[in-house]
Amino acid sequence: MADEKKTVSRRKKADKPEEKKQLSLEEMLDNIDSIIEKLEDKDIPLEEAFNEYSKGVKLVWECNKLVDRVEKKVQKLSDDGQTEDFE
C-alpha cells in the first residue's frame, strides 16, 4: 500500500507542466532575430517555416504586451518636479 502511494505521488509530480520562465524583452527580440534568419533560408521546409513563423508571431505579441505594461508604469517628471502619468 505504501509503495502504491509513492508511485501515485511520483506520477502526480511528473504530470505537472513545468512553469515557463518569463523571457526578457532582449531575449525575446534575440529569438525573433533567430527566427527571421531561419525564415530567410530558402531551403527551409514549408512546415518548419510555418512553425517558426507562428513562434515569431507569439513572441511579437509577448513583446507588445511587455512594452504596454512597462509603458503604463512609466512616469514623466514635469517642469515643477512633480510626476505625471506617461501619455
N, C-alpha and C. Protein backbone atom coordinates (compact mmCIF):
# COMPACT_ATOMS: atom_id res chain seq x y z
N MET A 1 0.83 -1.20 0.00
CA MET A 1 0.00 0.00 0.00
C MET A 1 0.87 1.26 0.00
N ALA A 2 1.94 1.25 0.80
CA ALA A 2 2.84 2.41 0.86
C ALA A 2 3.53 2.61 -0.48
N ASP A 3 3.92 1.50 -1.14
CA ASP A 3 4.55 1.60 -2.44
C ASP A 3 3.60 2.19 -3.47
N GLU A 4 2.32 1.83 -3.37
CA GLU A 4 1.31 2.34 -4.29
C GLU A 4 1.17 3.85 -4.15
N LYS A 5 1.19 4.36 -2.92
CA LYS A 5 1.08 5.80 -2.69
C LYS A 5 2.28 6.54 -3.26
N LYS A 6 3.48 5.95 -3.11
CA LYS A 6 4.69 6.58 -3.65
C LYS A 6 4.62 6.67 -5.17
N THR A 7 4.11 5.61 -5.81
CA THR A 7 4.00 5.60 -7.26
C THR A 7 3.02 6.66 -7.73
N VAL A 8 1.87 6.77 -7.06
CA VAL A 8 0.88 7.78 -7.42
C VAL A 8 1.45 9.17 -7.22
N SER A 9 2.17 9.37 -6.11
CA SER A 9 2.77 10.67 -5.83
C SER A 9 3.80 11.04 -6.90
N ARG A 10 4.61 10.09 -7.34
CA ARG A 10 5.60 10.36 -8.39
C ARG A 10 4.92 10.71 -9.69
N ARG A 11 3.82 10.02 -10.00
CA ARG A 11 3.09 10.32 -11.24
C ARG A 11 2.54 11.72 -11.21
N LYS A 12 1.99 12.15 -10.08
CA LYS A 12 1.43 13.50 -9.99
C LYS A 12 2.50 14.55 -10.23
N LYS A 13 3.68 14.33 -9.66
CA LYS A 13 4.77 15.28 -9.87
C LYS A 13 5.20 15.31 -11.32
N ALA A 14 5.24 14.16 -11.95
CA ALA A 14 5.67 14.07 -13.34
C ALA A 14 4.64 14.67 -14.29
N ASP A 15 3.36 14.63 -13.90
CA ASP A 15 2.31 15.14 -14.77
C ASP A 15 2.21 16.66 -14.76
N LYS A 16 2.81 17.31 -13.75
CA LYS A 16 2.72 18.77 -13.65
C LYS A 16 3.54 19.41 -14.76
N PRO A 17 2.93 20.34 -15.50
CA PRO A 17 3.71 21.03 -16.54
C PRO A 17 4.73 21.94 -15.89
N GLU A 18 5.89 22.05 -16.51
CA GLU A 18 6.92 22.93 -15.99
C GLU A 18 6.52 24.38 -16.23
N GLU A 19 6.79 25.22 -15.25
CA GLU A 19 6.48 26.63 -15.41
C GLU A 19 7.51 27.26 -16.34
N LYS A 20 7.03 28.08 -17.26
CA LYS A 20 7.93 28.73 -18.20
C LYS A 20 8.51 29.99 -17.57
N LYS A 21 9.80 30.18 -17.77
CA LYS A 21 10.46 31.38 -17.29
C LYS A 21 10.09 32.52 -18.23
N GLN A 22 9.72 33.65 -17.66
CA GLN A 22 9.40 34.82 -18.47
C GLN A 22 10.68 35.37 -19.07
N LEU A 23 10.73 35.42 -20.38
CA LEU A 23 11.91 35.95 -21.07
C LEU A 23 11.92 37.47 -20.98
N SER A 24 13.11 38.02 -20.97
CA SER A 24 13.24 39.48 -21.01
C SER A 24 12.93 39.96 -22.43
N LEU A 25 12.71 41.24 -22.57
CA LEU A 25 12.45 41.81 -23.88
C LEU A 25 13.62 41.54 -24.82
N GLU A 26 14.83 41.70 -24.30
CA GLU A 26 16.02 41.47 -25.12
C GLU A 26 16.10 40.02 -25.60
N GLU A 27 15.78 39.07 -24.70
CA GLU A 27 15.80 37.66 -25.08
C GLU A 27 14.75 37.36 -26.15
N MET A 28 13.57 37.94 -25.98
CA MET A 28 12.52 37.73 -26.98
C MET A 28 12.93 38.30 -28.33
N LEU A 29 13.53 39.49 -28.32
CA LEU A 29 13.97 40.10 -29.58
C LEU A 29 15.08 39.28 -30.24
N ASP A 30 15.98 38.73 -29.43
CA ASP A 30 17.03 37.85 -29.97
C ASP A 30 16.41 36.61 -30.61
N ASN A 31 15.40 36.05 -29.95
CA ASN A 31 14.71 34.88 -30.51
C ASN A 31 14.01 35.22 -31.82
N ILE A 32 13.41 36.39 -31.88
CA ILE A 32 12.75 36.83 -33.12
C ILE A 32 13.78 36.98 -34.24
N ASP A 33 14.94 37.55 -33.91
CA ASP A 33 16.01 37.68 -34.92
C ASP A 33 16.44 36.31 -35.44
N SER A 34 16.56 35.34 -34.54
CA SER A 34 16.95 33.98 -34.94
C SER A 34 15.90 33.36 -35.86
N ILE A 35 14.64 33.59 -35.53
CA ILE A 35 13.55 33.06 -36.35
C ILE A 35 13.58 33.68 -37.74
N ILE A 36 13.82 34.98 -37.80
CA ILE A 36 13.89 35.68 -39.09
C ILE A 36 15.01 35.09 -39.94
N GLU A 37 16.16 34.84 -39.32
CA GLU A 37 17.27 34.25 -40.06
C GLU A 37 16.90 32.88 -40.63
N LYS A 38 16.20 32.08 -39.82
CA LYS A 38 15.76 30.75 -40.29
C LYS A 38 14.80 30.89 -41.46
N LEU A 39 13.88 31.85 -41.34
CA LEU A 39 12.86 32.02 -42.39
C LEU A 39 13.47 32.56 -43.69
N GLU A 40 14.59 33.27 -43.58
CA GLU A 40 15.24 33.79 -44.78
C GLU A 40 15.99 32.71 -45.55
N ASP A 41 16.20 31.56 -44.93
CA ASP A 41 16.86 30.43 -45.59
C ASP A 41 15.91 29.86 -46.64
N LYS A 42 16.33 29.84 -47.86
CA LYS A 42 15.47 29.38 -48.95
C LYS A 42 15.19 27.88 -48.90
N ASP A 43 16.02 27.13 -48.17
CA ASP A 43 15.87 25.68 -48.12
C ASP A 43 15.03 25.19 -46.95
N ILE A 44 14.41 26.08 -46.21
CA ILE A 44 13.62 25.65 -45.05
C ILE A 44 12.33 24.99 -45.54
N PRO A 45 12.00 23.82 -45.00
CA PRO A 45 10.74 23.16 -45.39
C PRO A 45 9.53 24.01 -44.99
N LEU A 46 8.48 23.89 -45.75
CA LEU A 46 7.28 24.71 -45.53
C LEU A 46 6.72 24.55 -44.12
N GLU A 47 6.61 23.32 -43.66
CA GLU A 47 6.04 23.09 -42.33
C GLU A 47 6.90 23.73 -41.24
N GLU A 48 8.21 23.59 -41.36
CA GLU A 48 9.11 24.21 -40.38
C GLU A 48 9.01 25.74 -40.45
N ALA A 49 8.90 26.26 -41.66
CA ALA A 49 8.76 27.71 -41.83
C ALA A 49 7.48 28.21 -41.14
N PHE A 50 6.40 27.46 -41.31
CA PHE A 50 5.14 27.86 -40.68
C PHE A 50 5.26 27.82 -39.16
N ASN A 51 5.91 26.77 -38.63
CA ASN A 51 6.09 26.66 -37.18
C ASN A 51 6.94 27.81 -36.64
N GLU A 52 8.02 28.13 -37.34
CA GLU A 52 8.87 29.23 -36.93
C GLU A 52 8.12 30.56 -36.99
N TYR A 53 7.34 30.74 -38.06
CA TYR A 53 6.55 31.96 -38.21
C TYR A 53 5.57 32.09 -37.04
N SER A 54 4.91 30.99 -36.68
CA SER A 54 3.95 31.00 -35.56
C SER A 54 4.65 31.38 -34.26
N LYS A 55 5.83 30.81 -34.02
CA LYS A 55 6.59 31.15 -32.82
C LYS A 55 6.93 32.64 -32.82
N GLY A 56 7.32 33.15 -33.98
CA GLY A 56 7.68 34.56 -34.10
C GLY A 56 6.51 35.48 -33.80
N VAL A 57 5.34 35.13 -34.31
CA VAL A 57 4.14 35.95 -34.07
C VAL A 57 3.82 35.97 -32.57
N LYS A 58 3.92 34.81 -31.93
CA LYS A 58 3.65 34.75 -30.48
C LYS A 58 4.65 35.61 -29.71
N LEU A 59 5.91 35.55 -30.12
CA LEU A 59 6.92 36.37 -29.45
C LEU A 59 6.66 37.86 -29.64
N VAL A 60 6.24 38.25 -30.83
CA VAL A 60 5.93 39.66 -31.08
C VAL A 60 4.78 40.11 -30.19
N TRP A 61 3.76 39.27 -30.05
CA TRP A 61 2.63 39.59 -29.16
C TRP A 61 3.11 39.75 -27.72
N GLU A 62 3.98 38.84 -27.27
CA GLU A 62 4.53 38.92 -25.91
C GLU A 62 5.35 40.19 -25.73
N CYS A 63 6.13 40.56 -26.72
CA CYS A 63 6.91 41.80 -26.65
C CYS A 63 5.98 43.00 -26.53
N ASN A 64 4.93 43.02 -27.33
CA ASN A 64 3.97 44.13 -27.27
C ASN A 64 3.31 44.23 -25.91
N LYS A 65 2.93 43.09 -25.34
CA LYS A 65 2.30 43.10 -24.02
C LYS A 65 3.26 43.62 -22.96
N LEU A 66 4.52 43.19 -23.05
CA LEU A 66 5.52 43.64 -22.08
C LEU A 66 5.76 45.14 -22.20
N VAL A 67 5.90 45.63 -23.41
CA VAL A 67 6.11 47.07 -23.62
C VAL A 67 4.90 47.85 -23.12
N ASP A 68 3.69 47.36 -23.37
CA ASP A 68 2.48 48.04 -22.88
C ASP A 68 2.47 48.13 -21.35
N ARG A 69 2.86 47.02 -20.69
CA ARG A 69 2.89 47.02 -19.22
C ARG A 69 3.92 48.03 -18.71
N VAL A 70 5.07 48.05 -19.32
CA VAL A 70 6.12 48.97 -18.89
C VAL A 70 5.70 50.40 -19.16
N GLU A 71 5.11 50.63 -20.32
CA GLU A 71 4.69 51.98 -20.68
C GLU A 71 3.69 52.53 -19.67
N LYS A 72 2.82 51.68 -19.17
CA LYS A 72 1.83 52.13 -18.19
C LYS A 72 2.47 52.51 -16.86
N LYS A 73 3.63 51.91 -16.58
CA LYS A 73 4.32 52.19 -15.32
C LYS A 73 5.21 53.42 -15.40
N VAL A 74 5.56 53.79 -16.60
CA VAL A 74 6.50 54.91 -16.77
C VAL A 74 5.81 56.21 -16.40
N GLN A 75 6.53 57.01 -15.67
CA GLN A 75 6.02 58.34 -15.35
C GLN A 75 7.03 59.36 -15.82
N LYS A 76 6.53 60.50 -16.16
CA LYS A 76 7.46 61.55 -16.57
C LYS A 76 7.52 62.63 -15.49
N LEU A 77 8.64 63.26 -15.43
CA LEU A 77 8.86 64.32 -14.46
C LEU A 77 8.52 65.65 -15.12
N SER A 78 7.60 66.38 -14.51
CA SER A 78 7.20 67.66 -15.10
C SER A 78 8.19 68.75 -14.69
N ASP A 79 8.04 69.93 -15.25
CA ASP A 79 8.96 71.05 -15.01
C ASP A 79 9.02 71.44 -13.53
N ASP A 80 7.92 71.28 -12.80
CA ASP A 80 7.91 71.69 -11.41
C ASP A 80 8.32 70.56 -10.45
N GLY A 81 8.84 69.46 -10.99
CA GLY A 81 9.33 68.37 -10.15
C GLY A 81 8.29 67.34 -9.77
N GLN A 82 7.07 67.52 -10.21
CA GLN A 82 6.01 66.56 -9.93
C GLN A 82 6.02 65.45 -10.98
N THR A 83 5.56 64.28 -10.60
CA THR A 83 5.48 63.20 -11.57
C THR A 83 4.06 63.12 -12.13
N GLU A 84 3.98 62.77 -13.41
CA GLU A 84 2.70 62.61 -14.09
C GLU A 84 2.73 61.28 -14.82
N ASP A 85 1.56 60.73 -15.05
CA ASP A 85 1.50 59.51 -15.84
C ASP A 85 1.98 59.78 -17.25
N PHE A 86 2.68 58.83 -17.80
CA PHE A 86 3.20 58.94 -19.16
C PHE A 86 2.04 58.80 -20.14
N GLU A 87 2.00 59.62 -21.15
CA GLU A 87 0.95 59.53 -22.17
C GLU A 87 1.55 59.32 -23.52
